[in-house]
Every structure is written in structure tokens, then in C-alpha cells.
PDB file of N, CA and C in Angstrom:
ATOM      1  N   MET A   1     -21.177 -15.039  -5.420  1.00  0.00           N
ATOM      2  CA  MET A   1     -21.935 -15.398  -4.239  1.00  0.00           C
ATOM      3  C   MET A   1     -22.820 -14.228  -3.793  1.00  0.00           C
ATOM      4  N   PHE A   2     -22.285 -13.011  -3.826  1.00  0.00           N
ATOM      5  CA  PHE A   2     -23.033 -11.823  -3.440  1.00  0.00           C
ATOM      6  C   PHE A   2     -24.269 -11.665  -4.315  1.00  0.00           C
ATOM      7  N   LEU A   3     -24.090 -11.832  -5.611  1.00  0.00           N
ATOM      8  CA  LEU A   3     -25.199 -11.661  -6.546  1.00  0.00           C
ATOM      9  C   LEU A   3     -26.252 -12.750  -6.385  1.00  0.00           C
ATOM     10  N   VAL A   4     -25.836 -13.925  -5.943  1.00  0.00           N
ATOM     11  CA  VAL A   4     -26.786 -15.015  -5.721  1.00  0.00           C
ATOM     12  C   VAL A   4     -27.630 -14.724  -4.486  1.00  0.00           C
ATOM     13  N   GLN A   5     -26.992 -14.201  -3.436  1.00  0.00           N
ATOM     14  CA  GLN A   5     -27.668 -13.954  -2.162  1.00  0.00           C
ATOM     15  C   GLN A   5     -28.602 -12.740  -2.199  1.00  0.00           C
ATOM     16  N   LEU A   6     -28.265 -11.735  -2.991  1.00  0.00           N
ATOM     17  CA  LEU A   6     -29.038 -10.495  -3.014  1.00  0.00           C
ATOM     18  C   LEU A   6     -29.462 -10.146  -4.438  1.00  0.00           C
ATOM     19  N   PRO A   7     -30.588  -9.494  -4.578  1.00  0.00           N
ATOM     20  CA  PRO A   7     -30.986  -9.037  -5.919  1.00  0.00           C
ATOM     21  C   PRO A   7     -30.223  -7.752  -6.264  1.00  0.00           C
ATOM     22  N   PHE A   8     -28.981  -7.917  -6.642  1.00  0.00           N
ATOM     23  CA  PHE A   8     -28.118  -6.777  -6.925  1.00  0.00           C
ATOM     24  C   PHE A   8     -27.694  -6.825  -8.380  1.00  0.00           C
ATOM     25  N   PRO A   9     -27.808  -5.725  -9.131  1.00  0.00           N
ATOM     26  CA  PRO A   9     -27.462  -5.741 -10.558  1.00  0.00           C
ATOM     27  C   PRO A   9     -25.953  -5.897 -10.781  1.00  0.00           C
ATOM     28  N   VAL A  10     -25.583  -6.855 -11.581  1.00  0.00           N
ATOM     29  CA  VAL A  10     -24.177  -7.165 -11.831  1.00  0.00           C
ATOM     30  C   VAL A  10     -23.425  -5.982 -12.427  1.00  0.00           C
ATOM     31  N   ASP A  11     -24.097  -5.165 -13.225  1.00  0.00           N
ATOM     32  CA  ASP A  11     -23.410  -4.032 -13.847  1.00  0.00           C
ATOM     33  C   ASP A  11     -23.083  -2.918 -12.844  1.00  0.00           C
ATOM     34  N   CYS A  12     -23.574  -3.035 -11.618  1.00  0.00           N
ATOM     35  CA  CYS A  12     -23.274  -2.051 -10.569  1.00  0.00           C
ATOM     36  C   CYS A  12     -22.264  -2.586  -9.548  1.00  0.00           C
ATOM     37  N   LEU A  13     -21.778  -3.797  -9.757  1.00  0.00           N
ATOM     38  CA  LEU A  13     -20.874  -4.421  -8.793  1.00  0.00           C
ATOM     39  C   LEU A  13     -19.426  -4.319  -9.275  1.00  0.00           C
ATOM     40  N   TYR A  14     -18.574  -3.838  -8.385  1.00  0.00           N
ATOM     41  CA  TYR A  14     -17.140  -3.799  -8.658  1.00  0.00           C
ATOM     42  C   TYR A  14     -16.476  -4.680  -7.617  1.00  0.00           C
ATOM     43  N   ALA A  15     -15.844  -5.730  -8.042  1.00  0.00           N
ATOM     44  CA  ALA A  15     -15.153  -6.642  -7.122  1.00  0.00           C
ATOM     45  C   ALA A  15     -13.656  -6.372  -7.189  1.00  0.00           C
ATOM     46  N   ASP A  16     -13.027  -6.345  -6.028  1.00  0.00           N
ATOM     47  CA  ASP A  16     -11.618  -6.011  -5.928  1.00  0.00           C
ATOM     48  C   ASP A  16     -10.933  -6.995  -4.967  1.00  0.00           C
ATOM     49  N   PRO A  17     -10.824  -8.273  -5.365  1.00  0.00           N
ATOM     50  CA  PRO A  17     -10.306  -9.293  -4.444  1.00  0.00           C
ATOM     51  C   PRO A  17      -8.875  -9.039  -3.973  1.00  0.00           C
ATOM     52  N   ASN A  18      -8.091  -8.293  -4.717  1.00  0.00           N
ATOM     53  CA  ASN A  18      -6.715  -7.998  -4.295  1.00  0.00           C
ATOM     54  C   ASN A  18      -6.619  -6.690  -3.509  1.00  0.00           C
ATOM     55  N   ARG A  19      -7.752  -6.058  -3.278  1.00  0.00           N
ATOM     56  CA  ARG A  19      -7.844  -4.813  -2.506  1.00  0.00           C
ATOM     57  C   ARG A  19      -6.988  -3.685  -3.077  1.00  0.00           C
ATOM     58  N   GLU A  20      -6.831  -3.650  -4.376  1.00  0.00           N
ATOM     59  CA  GLU A  20      -6.022  -2.607  -5.013  1.00  0.00           C
ATOM     60  C   GLU A  20      -6.634  -1.225  -4.822  1.00  0.00           C
ATOM     61  N   ALA A  21      -7.956  -1.127  -4.925  1.00  0.00           N
ATOM     62  CA  ALA A  21      -8.619   0.172  -4.727  1.00  0.00           C
ATOM     63  C   ALA A  21      -8.459   0.634  -3.281  1.00  0.00           C
ATOM     64  N   TYR A  22      -8.609  -0.294  -2.335  1.00  0.00           N
ATOM     65  CA  TYR A  22      -8.433   0.056  -0.916  1.00  0.00           C
ATOM     66  C   TYR A  22      -7.017   0.583  -0.674  1.00  0.00           C
ATOM     67  N   ASN A  23      -6.042  -0.089  -1.263  1.00  0.00           N
ATOM     68  CA  ASN A  23      -4.655   0.335  -1.098  1.00  0.00           C
ATOM     69  C   ASN A  23      -4.413   1.698  -1.757  1.00  0.00           C
ATOM     70  N   ALA A  24      -4.953   1.892  -2.956  1.00  0.00           N
ATOM     71  CA  ALA A  24      -4.763   3.158  -3.669  1.00  0.00           C
ATOM     72  C   ALA A  24      -5.410   4.320  -2.907  1.00  0.00           C
ATOM     73  N   LEU A  25      -6.520   4.038  -2.240  1.00  0.00           N
ATOM     74  CA  LEU A  25      -7.221   5.071  -1.476  1.00  0.00           C
ATOM     75  C   LEU A  25      -6.684   5.184  -0.044  1.00  0.00           C
ATOM     76  N   ASP A  26      -5.712   4.337   0.288  1.00  0.00           N
ATOM     77  CA  ASP A  26      -5.070   4.336   1.603  1.00  0.00           C
ATOM     78  C   ASP A  26      -6.084   4.169   2.732  1.00  0.00           C
ATOM     79  N   LEU A  27      -7.023   3.219   2.540  1.00  0.00           N
ATOM     80  CA  LEU A  27      -8.036   2.959   3.563  1.00  0.00           C
ATOM     81  C   LEU A  27      -7.435   2.123   4.691  1.00  0.00           C
ATOM     82  N   HIS A  28      -7.979   2.293   5.885  1.00  0.00           N
ATOM     83  CA  HIS A  28      -7.449   1.638   7.079  1.00  0.00           C
ATOM     84  C   HIS A  28      -7.631   0.119   7.020  1.00  0.00           C
ATOM     85  N   TYR A  29      -6.690  -0.585   7.650  1.00  0.00           N
ATOM     86  CA  TYR A  29      -6.684  -2.043   7.630  1.00  0.00           C
ATOM     87  C   TYR A  29      -6.054  -2.556   8.921  1.00  0.00           C
ATOM     88  N   GLY A  30      -6.567  -3.646   9.445  1.00  0.00           N
ATOM     89  CA  GLY A  30      -5.902  -4.309  10.562  1.00  0.00           C
ATOM     90  C   GLY A  30      -6.801  -4.595  11.753  1.00  0.00           C
ATOM     91  N   TRP A  31      -6.261  -5.372  12.693  1.00  0.00           N
ATOM     92  CA  TRP A  31      -6.982  -5.783  13.895  1.00  0.00           C
ATOM     93  C   TRP A  31      -7.414  -4.579  14.731  1.00  0.00           C
ATOM     94  N   GLY A  32      -6.495  -3.663  14.943  1.00  0.00           N
ATOM     95  CA  GLY A  32      -6.798  -2.505  15.772  1.00  0.00           C
ATOM     96  C   GLY A  32      -7.954  -1.696  15.233  1.00  0.00           C
ATOM     97  N   ARG A  33      -7.934  -1.429  13.937  1.00  0.00           N
ATOM     98  CA  ARG A  33      -9.000  -0.648  13.304  1.00  0.00           C
ATOM     99  C   ARG A  33     -10.316  -1.414  13.283  1.00  0.00           C
ATOM    100  N   THR A  34     -10.244  -2.726  13.198  1.00  0.00           N
ATOM    101  CA  THR A  34     -11.446  -3.529  13.090  1.00  0.00           C
ATOM    102  C   THR A  34     -12.133  -3.722  14.440  1.00  0.00           C
ATOM    103  N   PHE A  35     -11.357  -4.037  15.465  1.00  0.00           N
ATOM    104  CA  PHE A  35     -11.964  -4.405  16.749  1.00  0.00           C
ATOM    105  C   PHE A  35     -11.676  -3.462  17.910  1.00  0.00           C
ATOM    106  N   PHE A  36     -10.614  -2.684  17.837  1.00  0.00           N
ATOM    107  CA  PHE A  36     -10.212  -1.875  18.988  1.00  0.00           C
ATOM    108  C   PHE A  36     -10.230  -0.386  18.650  1.00  0.00           C
ATOM    109  N   ASN A  37     -11.417   0.124  18.395  1.00  0.00           N
ATOM    110  CA  ASN A  37     -11.582   1.546  18.106  1.00  0.00           C
ATOM    111  C   ASN A  37     -12.893   2.006  18.718  1.00  0.00           C
ATOM    112  N   SER A  38     -13.034   3.285  18.907  1.00  0.00           N
ATOM    113  CA  SER A  38     -14.223   3.820  19.582  1.00  0.00           C
ATOM    114  C   SER A  38     -15.514   3.551  18.813  1.00  0.00           C
ATOM    115  N   SER A  39     -15.456   3.455  17.512  1.00  0.00           N
ATOM    116  CA  SER A  39     -16.674   3.249  16.732  1.00  0.00           C
ATOM    117  C   SER A  39     -17.163   1.801  16.764  1.00  0.00           C
ATOM    118  N   PHE A  40     -16.306   0.860  17.168  1.00  0.00           N
ATOM    119  CA  PHE A  40     -16.711  -0.552  17.228  1.00  0.00           C
ATOM    120  C   PHE A  40     -17.894  -0.734  18.180  1.00  0.00           C
ATOM    121  N   ALA A  41     -17.920   0.034  19.261  1.00  0.00           N
ATOM    122  CA  ALA A  41     -19.022  -0.068  20.230  1.00  0.00           C
ATOM    123  C   ALA A  41     -20.367   0.242  19.581  1.00  0.00           C
ATOM    124  N   LYS A  42     -20.375   1.073  18.534  1.00  0.00           N
ATOM    125  CA  LYS A  42     -21.621   1.415  17.840  1.00  0.00           C
ATOM    126  C   LYS A  42     -22.285   0.179  17.253  1.00  0.00           C
ATOM    127  N   THR A  43     -21.494  -0.823  16.883  1.00  0.00           N
ATOM    128  CA  THR A  43     -22.067  -2.027  16.288  1.00  0.00           C
ATOM    129  C   THR A  43     -22.980  -2.733  17.276  1.00  0.00           C
ATOM    130  N   PHE A  44     -22.674  -2.652  18.564  1.00  0.00           N
ATOM    131  CA  PHE A  44     -23.495  -3.319  19.564  1.00  0.00           C
ATOM    132  C   PHE A  44     -24.812  -2.590  19.795  1.00  0.00           C
ATOM    133  N   LEU A  45     -24.860  -1.308  19.471  1.00  0.00           N
ATOM    134  CA  LEU A  45     -26.112  -0.568  19.568  1.00  0.00           C
ATOM    135  C   LEU A  45     -27.106  -1.050  18.524  1.00  0.00           C
ATOM    136  N   ARG A  46     -26.588  -1.668  17.473  1.00  0.00           N
ATOM    137  CA  ARG A  46     -27.431  -2.198  16.397  1.00  0.00           C
ATOM    138  C   ARG A  46     -27.435  -3.725  16.424  1.00  0.00           C
ATOM    139  N   TRP A  47     -27.333  -4.312  17.612  1.00  0.00           N
ATOM    140  CA  TRP A  47     -27.183  -5.765  17.738  1.00  0.00           C
ATOM    141  C   TRP A  47     -28.291  -6.529  17.023  1.00  0.00           C
ATOM    142  N   GLY A  48     -29.549  -6.096  17.149  1.00  0.00           N
ATOM    143  CA  GLY A  48     -30.660  -6.790  16.503  1.00  0.00           C
ATOM    144  C   GLY A  48     -30.504  -6.819  14.987  1.00  0.00           C
ATOM    145  N   SER A  49     -30.163  -5.693  14.406  1.00  0.00           N
ATOM    146  CA  SER A  49     -29.959  -5.615  12.953  1.00  0.00           C
ATOM    147  C   SER A  49     -28.754  -6.448  12.535  1.00  0.00           C
ATOM    148  N   LEU A  50     -27.714  -6.415  13.366  1.00  0.00           N
ATOM    149  CA  LEU A  50     -26.503  -7.179  13.068  1.00  0.00           C
ATOM    150  C   LEU A  50     -26.784  -8.676  13.067  1.00  0.00           C
ATOM    151  N   ARG A  51     -27.532  -9.141  14.042  1.00  0.00           N
ATOM    152  CA  ARG A  51     -27.898 -10.570  14.108  1.00  0.00           C
ATOM    153  C   ARG A  51     -28.722 -10.973  12.893  1.00  0.00           C
ATOM    154  N   LYS A  52     -29.659 -10.124  12.513  1.00  0.00           N
ATOM    155  CA  LYS A  52     -30.501 -10.410  11.340  1.00  0.00           C
ATOM    156  C   LYS A  52     -29.641 -10.495  10.078  1.00  0.00           C
ATOM    157  N   ALA A  53     -28.715  -9.559   9.919  1.00  0.00           N
ATOM    158  CA  ALA A  53     -27.825  -9.565   8.755  1.00  0.00           C
ATOM    159  C   ALA A  53     -26.927 -10.791   8.762  1.00  0.00           C
ATOM    160  N   ALA A  54     -26.497 -11.219   9.944  1.00  0.00           N
ATOM    161  CA  ALA A  54     -25.606 -12.378  10.057  1.00  0.00           C
ATOM    162  C   ALA A  54     -26.290 -13.675   9.631  1.00  0.00           C
ATOM    163  N   ASN A  55     -27.615 -13.697   9.636  1.00  0.00           N
ATOM    164  CA  ASN A  55     -28.332 -14.893   9.171  1.00  0.00           C
ATOM    165  C   ASN A  55     -28.011 -15.213   7.725  1.00  0.00           C
ATOM    166  N   ASN A  56     -27.693 -14.205   6.936  1.00  0.00           N
ATOM    167  CA  ASN A  56     -27.382 -14.401   5.519  1.00  0.00           C
ATOM    168  C   ASN A  56     -25.890 -14.565   5.262  1.00  0.00           C
ATOM    169  N   TYR A  57     -25.085 -14.481   6.316  1.00  0.00           N
ATOM    170  CA  TYR A  57     -23.631 -14.559   6.155  1.00  0.00           C
ATOM    171  C   TYR A  57     -23.199 -16.007   5.938  1.00  0.00           C
ATOM    172  N   THR A  58     -22.247 -16.162   5.045  1.00  0.00           N
ATOM    173  CA  THR A  58     -21.620 -17.466   4.847  1.00  0.00           C
ATOM    174  C   THR A  58     -20.135 -17.242   4.622  1.00  0.00           C
ATOM    175  N   ILE A  59     -19.313 -18.031   5.273  1.00  0.00           N
ATOM    176  CA  ILE A  59     -17.859 -17.888   5.138  1.00  0.00           C
ATOM    177  C   ILE A  59     -17.424 -18.143   3.697  1.00  0.00           C
ATOM    178  N   SER A  60     -18.211 -18.885   2.940  1.00  0.00           N
ATOM    179  CA  SER A  60     -17.839 -19.158   1.542  1.00  0.00           C
ATOM    180  C   SER A  60     -17.896 -17.896   0.687  1.00  0.00           C
ATOM    181  N   ALA A  61     -18.569 -16.848   1.166  1.00  0.00           N
ATOM    182  CA  ALA A  61     -18.621 -15.593   0.420  1.00  0.00           C
ATOM    183  C   ALA A  61     -17.409 -14.713   0.713  1.00  0.00           C
ATOM    184  N   THR A  62     -16.617 -15.095   1.700  1.00  0.00           N
ATOM    185  CA  THR A  62     -15.425 -14.340   2.057  1.00  0.00           C
ATOM    186  C   THR A  62     -14.304 -14.712   1.084  1.00  0.00           C
ATOM    187  N   PRO A  63     -13.555 -13.730   0.607  1.00  0.00           N
ATOM    188  CA  PRO A  63     -12.439 -14.043  -0.296  1.00  0.00           C
ATOM    189  C   PRO A  63     -11.472 -15.050   0.316  1.00  0.00           C
ATOM    190  N   GLN A  64     -10.693 -15.719  -0.527  1.00  0.00           N
ATOM    191  CA  GLN A  64      -9.733 -16.713  -0.054  1.00  0.00           C
ATOM    192  C   GLN A  64      -8.829 -16.155   1.025  1.00  0.00           C
ATOM    193  N   ASP A  65      -8.390 -14.935   0.852  1.00  0.00           N
ATOM    194  CA  ASP A  65      -7.545 -14.277   1.840  1.00  0.00           C
ATOM    195  C   ASP A  65      -8.459 -13.787   2.961  1.00  0.00           C
ATOM    196  N   LYS A  66      -8.612 -14.580   4.012  1.00  0.00           N
ATOM    197  CA  LYS A  66      -9.549 -14.273   5.101  1.00  0.00           C
ATOM    198  C   LYS A  66      -9.186 -12.989   5.832  1.00  0.00           C
ATOM    199  N   SER A  67      -7.957 -12.515   5.689  1.00  0.00           N
ATOM    200  CA  SER A  67      -7.579 -11.266   6.352  1.00  0.00           C
ATOM    201  C   SER A  67      -8.322 -10.078   5.747  1.00  0.00           C
ATOM    202  N   SER A  68      -9.010 -10.283   4.637  1.00  0.00           N
ATOM    203  CA  SER A  68      -9.764  -9.184   4.014  1.00  0.00           C
ATOM    204  C   SER A  68     -10.883  -8.691   4.926  1.00  0.00           C
ATOM    205  N   VAL A  69     -11.285  -9.502   5.912  1.00  0.00           N
ATOM    206  CA  VAL A  69     -12.326  -9.047   6.837  1.00  0.00           C
ATOM    207  C   VAL A  69     -11.819  -7.909   7.723  1.00  0.00           C
ATOM    208  N   LEU A  70     -10.507  -7.677   7.732  1.00  0.00           N
ATOM    209  CA  LEU A  70      -9.920  -6.603   8.528  1.00  0.00           C
ATOM    210  C   LEU A  70      -9.836  -5.287   7.762  1.00  0.00           C
ATOM    211  N   GLN A  71     -10.295  -5.308   6.511  1.00  0.00           N
ATOM    212  CA  GLN A  71     -10.238  -4.119   5.660  1.00  0.00           C
ATOM    213  C   GLN A  71     -11.389  -3.183   5.982  1.00  0.00           C
ATOM    214  N   GLN A  72     -11.075  -1.934   6.273  1.00  0.00           N
ATOM    215  CA  GLN A  72     -12.105  -0.922   6.491  1.00  0.00           C
ATOM    216  C   GLN A  72     -12.403  -0.225   5.168  1.00  0.00           C
ATOM    217  N   GLY A  73     -13.587   0.286   5.072  1.00  0.00           N
ATOM    218  CA  GLY A  73     -14.005   0.936   3.837  1.00  0.00           C
ATOM    219  C   GLY A  73     -14.028   2.442   3.945  1.00  0.00           C
ATOM    220  N   GLY A  74     -14.866   3.021   3.143  1.00  0.00           N
ATOM    221  CA  GLY A  74     -15.011   4.464   3.129  1.00  0.00           C
ATOM    222  C   GLY A  74     -16.132   4.848   2.193  1.00  0.00           C
ATOM    223  N   MET A  75     -16.314   6.135   2.025  1.00  0.00           N
ATOM    224  CA  MET A  75     -17.342   6.630   1.124  1.00  0.00           C
ATOM    225  C   MET A  75     -16.703   7.688   0.228  1.00  0.00           C
ATOM    226  N   PHE A  76     -16.856   7.489  -1.065  1.00  0.00           N
ATOM    227  CA  PHE A  76     -16.301   8.416  -2.039  1.00  0.00           C
ATOM    228  C   PHE A  76     -17.398   8.734  -3.041  1.00  0.00           C
ATOM    229  N   VAL A  77     -17.652  10.013  -3.244  1.00  0.00           N
ATOM    230  CA  VAL A  77     -18.693  10.442  -4.169  1.00  0.00           C
ATOM    231  C   VAL A  77     -18.017  11.216  -5.296  1.00  0.00           C
ATOM    232  N   PHE A  78     -18.258  10.760  -6.502  1.00  0.00           N
ATOM    233  CA  PHE A  78     -17.686  11.394  -7.682  1.00  0.00           C
ATOM    234  C   PHE A  78     -18.797  11.940  -8.564  1.00  0.00           C
ATOM    235  N   LYS A  79     -18.483  12.993  -9.272  1.00  0.00           N
ATOM    236  CA  LYS A  79     -19.326  13.472 -10.364  1.00  0.00           C
ATOM    237  C   LYS A  79     -18.404  13.448 -11.564  1.00  0.00           C
ATOM    238  N   GLY A  80     -18.566  12.415 -12.381  1.00  0.00           N
ATOM    239  CA  GLY A  80     -17.594  12.189 -13.448  1.00  0.00           C
ATOM    240  C   GLY A  80     -16.257  11.862 -12.800  1.00  0.00           C
ATOM    241  N   LYS A  81     -15.224  12.618 -13.139  1.00  0.00           N
ATOM    242  CA  LYS A  81     -13.904  12.398 -12.548  1.00  0.00           C
ATOM    243  C   LYS A  81     -13.636  13.310 -11.356  1.00  0.00           C
ATOM    244  N   GLN A  82     -14.585  14.202 -11.057  1.00  0.00           N
ATOM    245  CA  GLN A  82     -14.410  15.140  -9.947  1.00  0.00           C
ATOM    246  C   GLN A  82     -14.826  14.478  -8.630  1.00  0.00           C
ATOM    247  N   LEU A  83     -13.925  14.489  -7.660  1.00  0.00           N
ATOM    248  CA  LEU A  83     -14.208  13.958  -6.331  1.00  0.00           C
ATOM    249  C   LEU A  83     -14.960  15.015  -5.530  1.00  0.00           C
ATOM    250  N   LEU A  84     -16.204  14.675  -5.156  1.00  0.00           N
ATOM    251  CA  LEU A  84     -17.023  15.611  -4.390  1.00  0.00           C
ATOM    252  C   LEU A  84     -16.904  15.383  -2.891  1.00  0.00           C
ATOM    253  N   TYR A  85     -16.613  14.153  -2.500  1.00  0.00           N
ATOM    254  CA  TYR A  85     -16.607  13.803  -1.076  1.00  0.00           C
ATOM    255  C   TYR A  85     -15.721  12.583  -0.868  1.00  0.00           C
ATOM    256  N   ALA A  86     -14.931  12.632   0.191  1.00  0.00           N
ATOM    257  CA  ALA A  86     -14.090  11.483   0.541  1.00  0.00           C
ATOM    258  C   ALA A  86     -14.084  11.325   2.057  1.00  0.00           C
ATOM    259  N   ARG A  87     -14.299  10.107   2.514  1.00  0.00           N
ATOM    260  CA  ARG A  87     -14.281   9.818   3.940  1.00  0.00           C
ATOM    261  C   ARG A  87     -13.809   8.391   4.158  1.00  0.00           C
ATOM    262  N   LYS A  88     -12.811   8.213   5.002  1.00  0.00           N
ATOM    263  CA  LYS A  88     -12.310   6.882   5.354  1.00  0.00           C
ATOM    264  C   LYS A  88     -12.958   6.441   6.663  1.00  0.00           C
ATOM    265  N   ASP A  89     -13.516   5.235   6.676  1.00  0.00           N
ATOM    266  CA  ASP A  89     -14.053   4.695   7.926  1.00  0.00           C
ATOM    267  C   ASP A  89     -12.899   4.482   8.892  1.00  0.00           C
ATOM    268  N   LYS A  90     -13.056   4.972  10.130  1.00  0.00           N
ATOM    269  CA  LYS A  90     -11.999   4.823  11.125  1.00  0.00           C
ATOM    270  C   LYS A  90     -11.921   3.403  11.643  1.00  0.00           C
ATOM    271  N   GLY A  91     -13.030   2.678  11.570  1.00  0.00           N
ATOM    272  CA  GLY A  91     -13.065   1.298  12.048  1.00  0.00           C
ATOM    273  C   GLY A  91     -14.445   0.713  11.863  1.00  0.00           C
ATOM    274  N   THR A  92     -14.644  -0.499  12.354  1.00  0.00           N
ATOM    275  CA  THR A  92     -15.934  -1.169  12.268  1.00  0.00           C
ATOM    276  C   THR A  92     -16.993  -0.314  12.950  1.00  0.00           C
ATOM    277  N   GLY A  93     -18.102  -0.095  12.281  1.00  0.00           N
ATOM    278  CA  GLY A  93     -19.191   0.689  12.843  1.00  0.00           C
ATOM    279  C   GLY A  93     -19.104   2.168  12.541  1.00  0.00           C
ATOM    280  N   ASP A  94     -18.023   2.610  11.936  1.00  0.00           N
ATOM    281  CA  ASP A  94     -17.856   4.023  11.608  1.00  0.00           C
ATOM    282  C   ASP A  94     -18.197   4.220  10.141  1.00  0.00           C
ATOM    283  N   HIS A  95     -19.277   4.913   9.889  1.00  0.00           N
ATOM    284  CA  HIS A  95     -19.726   5.121   8.511  1.00  0.00           C
ATOM    285  C   HIS A  95     -20.120   6.572   8.312  1.00  0.00           C
ATOM    286  N   ALA A  96     -20.117   6.983   7.085  1.00  0.00           N
ATOM    287  CA  ALA A  96     -20.554   8.334   6.736  1.00  0.00           C
ATOM    288  C   ALA A  96     -22.033   8.484   7.077  1.00  0.00           C
ATOM    289  N   SER A  97     -22.411   9.664   7.478  1.00  0.00           N
ATOM    290  CA  SER A  97     -23.806   9.963   7.769  1.00  0.00           C
ATOM    291  C   SER A  97     -24.595  10.000   6.465  1.00  0.00           C
ATOM    292  N   LEU A  98     -25.728   9.317   6.444  1.00  0.00           N
ATOM    293  CA  LEU A  98     -26.569   9.308   5.244  1.00  0.00           C
ATOM    294  C   LEU A  98     -26.999  10.726   4.888  1.00  0.00           C
ATOM    295  N   GLU A  99     -27.318  11.521   5.891  1.00  0.00           N
ATOM    296  CA  GLU A  99     -27.715  12.915   5.656  1.00  0.00           C
ATOM    297  C   GLU A  99     -26.586  13.688   4.975  1.00  0.00           C
ATOM    298  N   GLU A 100     -25.362  13.467   5.434  1.00  0.00           N
ATOM    299  CA  GLU A 100     -24.201  14.143   4.847  1.00  0.00           C
ATOM    300  C   GLU A 100     -24.031  13.745   3.381  1.00  0.00           C
ATOM    301  N   ILE A 101     -24.163  12.472   3.087  1.00  0.00           N
ATOM    302  CA  ILE A 101     -24.012  11.977   1.710  1.00  0.00           C
ATOM    303  C   ILE A 101     -25.122  12.528   0.816  1.00  0.00           C
ATOM    304  N   LEU A 102     -26.349  12.502   1.305  1.00  0.00           N
ATOM    305  CA  LEU A 102     -27.458  13.032   0.506  1.00  0.00           C
ATOM    306  C   LEU A 102     -27.289  14.522   0.237  1.00  0.00           C
ATOM    307  N   ASN A 103     -26.757  15.258   1.217  1.00  0.00           N
ATOM    308  CA  ASN A 103     -26.500  16.684   1.006  1.00  0.00           C
ATOM    309  C   ASN A 103     -25.473  16.896  -0.100  1.00  0.00           C
ATOM    310  N   ILE A 104     -24.471  16.045  -0.163  1.00  0.00           N
ATOM    311  CA  ILE A 104     -23.446  16.138  -1.211  1.00  0.00           C
ATOM    312  C   ILE A 104     -24.048  15.766  -2.571  1.00  0.00           C
ATOM    313  N   CYS A 105     -24.773  14.666  -2.609  1.00  0.00           N
ATOM    314  CA  CYS A 105     -25.303  14.153  -3.882  1.00  0.00           C
ATOM    315  C   CYS A 105     -26.470  14.976  -4.437  1.00  0.00           C
ATOM    316  N   CYS A 106     -27.237  15.548  -3.550  1.00  0.00           N
ATOM    317  CA  CYS A 106     -28.468  16.219  -3.989  1.00  0.00           C
ATOM    318  C   CYS A 106     -28.374  17.741  -4.019  1.00  0.00           C
ATOM    319  N   ARG A 107     -27.218  18.264  -3.686  1.00  0.00           N
ATOM    320  CA  ARG A 107     -27.095  19.733  -3.680  1.00  0.00           C
ATOM    321  C   ARG A 107     -27.054  20.227  -5.129  1.00  0.00           C
ATOM    322  N   PRO A 108     -27.699  21.345  -5.382  1.00  0.00           N
ATOM    323  CA  PRO A 108     -27.725  21.877  -6.756  1.00  0.00           C
ATOM    324  C   PRO A 108     -26.314  22.244  -7.226  1.00  0.00           C
ATOM    325  N   SER A 109     -26.065  22.027  -8.486  1.00  0.00           N
ATOM    326  CA  SER A 109     -24.760  22.388  -9.060  1.00  0.00           C
ATOM    327  C   SER A 109     -24.627  23.894  -9.137  1.00  0.00           C
ATOM    328  N   VAL A 110     -23.398  24.360  -8.885  1.00  0.00           N
ATOM    329  CA  VAL A 110     -23.124  25.781  -8.999  1.00  0.00           C
ATOM    330  C   VAL A 110     -22.662  26.042 -10.431  1.00  0.00           C
ATOM    331  N   ALA A 111     -23.332  26.954 -11.103  1.00  0.00           N
ATOM    332  CA  ALA A 111     -23.013  27.233 -12.506  1.00  0.00           C
ATOM    333  C   ALA A 111     -21.819  28.140 -12.628  1.00  0.00           C
TER     334      ALA A 111
END
């Protein structure tokens, strides 16, 4: 469904319907993290963008286990097998800073 809705290359998509990667990375999960955290308020600051994004939302794209919407994500940057950066989202609306990620990804390698 994701690939149908967006022009996204299939070879770059990793689907994890059983949330095994989330569990292995010990990412946050649950009602409290999703709706009752300080970062949730940030989502309302982007209300216009959120409404626009919701136009493309369909419940049929949600995994059978609807509780998966309570799963929080994170950002992990690897160079080969070396972990360069790890950050767990504290809740809805909490994401890594793009500037921080670009600094990690674009910094020159130390010889």
C-alpha cells in the first residue's frame, strides 16, 4: 500500500509487521508515549502540514495489529556495521534534528 501511494523504491523499503526491529532496538511503545508526552504538543504546531498529510492516510495501510500506531520510532545511522548515531523518539512529534543527522552523515571520515 505504501509503495502504491508514494513513488518510493521497493529496494529501499524494509517492512517489519511484527515490530521485531523496534523490539530489538527497545524503542518506546504505548498510549502514554504516543499521546501524553511533552513532544506531542509539537504536532499541533504543524497542524497545516499534518492535515495535508492526513489526506493521503487510509486505515487499510495500517497493519492488522492496529496497536502498531502506538509504536514510536527513532533514528539510527550506520556506516556499514558501525553505529554512528542512535536516537529513540520520546513520543509523537519528537524527532531527530535534520541538522544533527546531516552533521553525522556528512562529516568527513577520520583517517
